[in-house]
């Protein structure tokens, strides 16, 4: 029996249906663990990884926290973080999801 990939989702907002579908294309069947609280310290990122032991991480974080998470994932031999990519439509004042990128 195939097991689903455990994905830690670090963002204040949950995935939309198209974000979830795109994630399925990348990682296959997955179990999403959401962390929507603010992360105040770098140590919190390590703790989240220790507690949830994900196989992949999707995160929307400030650039300094992205760098820390990227380093931590690398040290642990894990796959790179996935970050949602959006296109801003000025005329409509909205952000449109375009996919994910790996942060190396």
C-alpha atoms as a PDB file:
ATOM      1  CA  UNK A   1       0.000   0.000   0.000  1.00  0.00           C
ATOM      2  CA  UNK A   2       1.382   3.387  -0.983  1.00  0.00           C
ATOM      3  CA  UNK A   3       1.828   5.876   1.805  1.00  0.00           C
ATOM      4  CA  UNK A   4       1.123   9.531   1.338  1.00  0.00           C
ATOM      5  CA  UNK A   5       3.863  12.134   1.579  1.00  0.00           C
ATOM      6  CA  UNK A   6       3.767  14.180   4.776  1.00  0.00           C
ATOM      7  CA  UNK A   7       3.865  17.882   3.845  1.00  0.00           C
ATOM      8  CA  UNK A   8       4.303  20.617   6.444  1.00  0.00           C
ATOM      9  CA  UNK A   9       2.430  23.742   5.268  1.00  0.00           C
ATOM     10  CA  UNK A  10       3.787  26.882   6.986  1.00  0.00           C
ATOM     11  CA  UNK A  11       1.533  29.808   6.132  1.00  0.00           C
ATOM     12  CA  UNK A  12      -1.237  31.871   7.661  1.00  0.00           C
ATOM     13  CA  UNK A  13      -3.454  30.787   4.772  1.00  0.00           C
ATOM     14  CA  UNK A  14      -4.418  27.269   3.786  1.00  0.00           C
ATOM     15  CA  UNK A  15      -4.033  26.026   0.230  1.00  0.00           C
ATOM     16  CA  UNK A  16      -6.690  26.767  -2.339  1.00  0.00           C
ATOM     17  CA  UNK A  17      -7.969  23.837  -4.437  1.00  0.00           C
ATOM     18  CA  UNK A  18      -5.614  24.757  -7.316  1.00  0.00           C
ATOM     19  CA  UNK A  19      -2.656  24.987  -4.915  1.00  0.00           C
ATOM     20  CA  UNK A  20      -3.494  21.556  -3.524  1.00  0.00           C
ATOM     21  CA  UNK A  21      -3.857  20.104  -7.031  1.00  0.00           C
ATOM     22  CA  UNK A  22      -0.477  21.541  -8.048  1.00  0.00           C
ATOM     23  CA  UNK A  23       1.100  20.129  -4.887  1.00  0.00           C
ATOM     24  CA  UNK A  24      -0.337  16.709  -5.745  1.00  0.00           C
ATOM     25  CA  UNK A  25       1.336  16.916  -9.167  1.00  0.00           C
ATOM     26  CA  UNK A  26       4.685  17.545  -7.436  1.00  0.00           C
ATOM     27  CA  UNK A  27       4.594  15.196  -4.433  1.00  0.00           C
ATOM     28  CA  UNK A  28       1.753  12.800  -5.242  1.00  0.00           C
ATOM     29  CA  UNK A  29      -0.761  11.746  -2.617  1.00  0.00           C
ATOM     30  CA  UNK A  30      -0.060  13.780   0.503  1.00  0.00           C
ATOM     31  CA  UNK A  31      -1.076  14.437   4.071  1.00  0.00           C
ATOM     32  CA  UNK A  32      -1.004  18.152   4.854  1.00  0.00           C
ATOM     33  CA  UNK A  33      -0.008  19.352   8.307  1.00  0.00           C
ATOM     34  CA  UNK A  34      -0.806  23.049   8.672  1.00  0.00           C
ATOM     35  CA  UNK A  35       1.116  25.484  10.855  1.00  0.00           C
ATOM     36  CA  UNK A  36      -0.580  28.868  10.651  1.00  0.00           C
ATOM     37  CA  UNK A  37       0.873  30.572  13.724  1.00  0.00           C
ATOM     38  CA  UNK A  38       3.596  33.178  13.442  1.00  0.00           C
ATOM     39  CA  UNK A  39       7.135  31.856  13.810  1.00  0.00           C
ATOM     40  CA  UNK A  40       9.088  34.140  16.095  1.00  0.00           C
ATOM     41  CA  UNK A  41      12.472  32.457  16.280  1.00  0.00           C
ATOM     42  CA  UNK A  42      14.693  30.360  14.055  1.00  0.00           C
ATOM     43  CA  UNK A  43      14.703  27.577  16.675  1.00  0.00           C
ATOM     44  CA  UNK A  44      10.959  27.219  16.111  1.00  0.00           C
ATOM     45  CA  UNK A  45      11.624  25.998  12.562  1.00  0.00           C
ATOM     46  CA  UNK A  46      13.835  23.159  13.824  1.00  0.00           C
ATOM     47  CA  UNK A  47      11.252  22.269  16.437  1.00  0.00           C
ATOM     48  CA  UNK A  48       8.475  22.113  13.817  1.00  0.00           C
ATOM     49  CA  UNK A  49      10.583  19.748  11.724  1.00  0.00           C
ATOM     50  CA  UNK A  50      11.357  17.586  14.764  1.00  0.00           C
ATOM     51  CA  UNK A  51       7.706  17.384  15.839  1.00  0.00           C
ATOM     52  CA  UNK A  52       6.079  16.738  12.456  1.00  0.00           C
ATOM     53  CA  UNK A  53       8.944  14.980  10.614  1.00  0.00           C
ATOM     54  CA  UNK A  54       7.675  16.008   7.160  1.00  0.00           C
ATOM     55  CA  UNK A  55       9.047  14.750   3.891  1.00  0.00           C
ATOM     56  CA  UNK A  56       8.379  18.111   2.192  1.00  0.00           C
ATOM     57  CA  UNK A  57       7.832  21.649   3.435  1.00  0.00           C
ATOM     58  CA  UNK A  58       5.775  24.383   1.777  1.00  0.00           C
ATOM     59  CA  UNK A  59       6.339  27.783   3.362  1.00  0.00           C
ATOM     60  CA  UNK A  60       5.448  31.410   2.954  1.00  0.00           C
ATOM     61  CA  UNK A  61       7.992  33.168   5.160  1.00  0.00           C
ATOM     62  CA  UNK A  62      10.070  36.353   5.247  1.00  0.00           C
ATOM     63  CA  UNK A  63      13.314  35.957   3.285  1.00  0.00           C
ATOM     64  CA  UNK A  64      15.532  35.624   6.383  1.00  0.00           C
ATOM     65  CA  UNK A  65      13.373  32.794   7.730  1.00  0.00           C
ATOM     66  CA  UNK A  66      13.359  31.147   4.279  1.00  0.00           C
ATOM     67  CA  UNK A  67      17.161  31.142   4.361  1.00  0.00           C
ATOM     68  CA  UNK A  68      17.219  29.561   7.816  1.00  0.00           C
ATOM     69  CA  UNK A  69      14.670  26.917   6.834  1.00  0.00           C
ATOM     70  CA  UNK A  70      16.556  26.170   3.609  1.00  0.00           C
ATOM     71  CA  UNK A  71      19.789  25.646   5.586  1.00  0.00           C
ATOM     72  CA  UNK A  72      18.022  23.412   8.110  1.00  0.00           C
ATOM     73  CA  UNK A  73      16.459  21.260   5.385  1.00  0.00           C
ATOM     74  CA  UNK A  74      19.849  20.914   3.681  1.00  0.00           C
ATOM     75  CA  UNK A  75      21.566  19.915   6.955  1.00  0.00           C
ATOM     76  CA  UNK A  76      18.930  17.222   7.466  1.00  0.00           C
ATOM     77  CA  UNK A  77      19.305  15.884   3.923  1.00  0.00           C
ATOM     78  CA  UNK A  78      15.717  16.836   3.078  1.00  0.00           C
ATOM     79  CA  UNK A  79      14.316  18.036  -0.239  1.00  0.00           C
ATOM     80  CA  UNK A  80      14.248  21.818  -0.811  1.00  0.00           C
ATOM     81  CA  UNK A  81      11.440  23.977   0.509  1.00  0.00           C
ATOM     82  CA  UNK A  82       8.578  24.719  -1.866  1.00  0.00           C
ATOM     83  CA  UNK A  83       7.349  28.304  -2.059  1.00  0.00           C
ATOM     84  CA  UNK A  84       4.082  29.341  -3.709  1.00  0.00           C
ATOM     85  CA  UNK A  85       4.536  31.722  -6.638  1.00  0.00           C
ATOM     86  CA  UNK A  86       1.929  34.353  -7.451  1.00  0.00           C
ATOM     87  CA  UNK A  87       1.329  36.820 -10.262  1.00  0.00           C
ATOM     88  CA  UNK A  88      -0.095  40.188  -9.224  1.00  0.00           C
ATOM     89  CA  UNK A  89      -2.746  41.586 -11.543  1.00  0.00           C
ATOM     90  CA  UNK A  90      -2.676  45.311 -10.950  1.00  0.00           C
ATOM     91  CA  UNK A  91      -5.891  46.049 -12.775  1.00  0.00           C
ATOM     92  CA  UNK A  92      -7.824  43.509 -10.724  1.00  0.00           C
ATOM     93  CA  UNK A  93      -5.816  44.047  -7.530  1.00  0.00           C
ATOM     94  CA  UNK A  94      -5.464  40.320  -7.006  1.00  0.00           C
ATOM     95  CA  UNK A  95      -2.777  37.688  -6.746  1.00  0.00           C
ATOM     96  CA  UNK A  96      -3.068  34.636  -8.989  1.00  0.00           C
ATOM     97  CA  UNK A  97      -1.345  31.392  -7.997  1.00  0.00           C
ATOM     98  CA  UNK A  98       1.138  30.256 -10.673  1.00  0.00           C
ATOM     99  CA  UNK A  99       2.749  27.192  -9.092  1.00  0.00           C
ATOM    100  CA  UNK A 100       5.600  26.365  -6.735  1.00  0.00           C
ATOM    101  CA  UNK A 101       9.319  26.884  -6.882  1.00  0.00           C
ATOM    102  CA  UNK A 102      11.996  25.061  -4.963  1.00  0.00           C
ATOM    103  CA  UNK A 103      14.138  27.320  -2.806  1.00  0.00           C
ATOM    104  CA  UNK A 104      17.728  26.120  -3.024  1.00  0.00           C
END
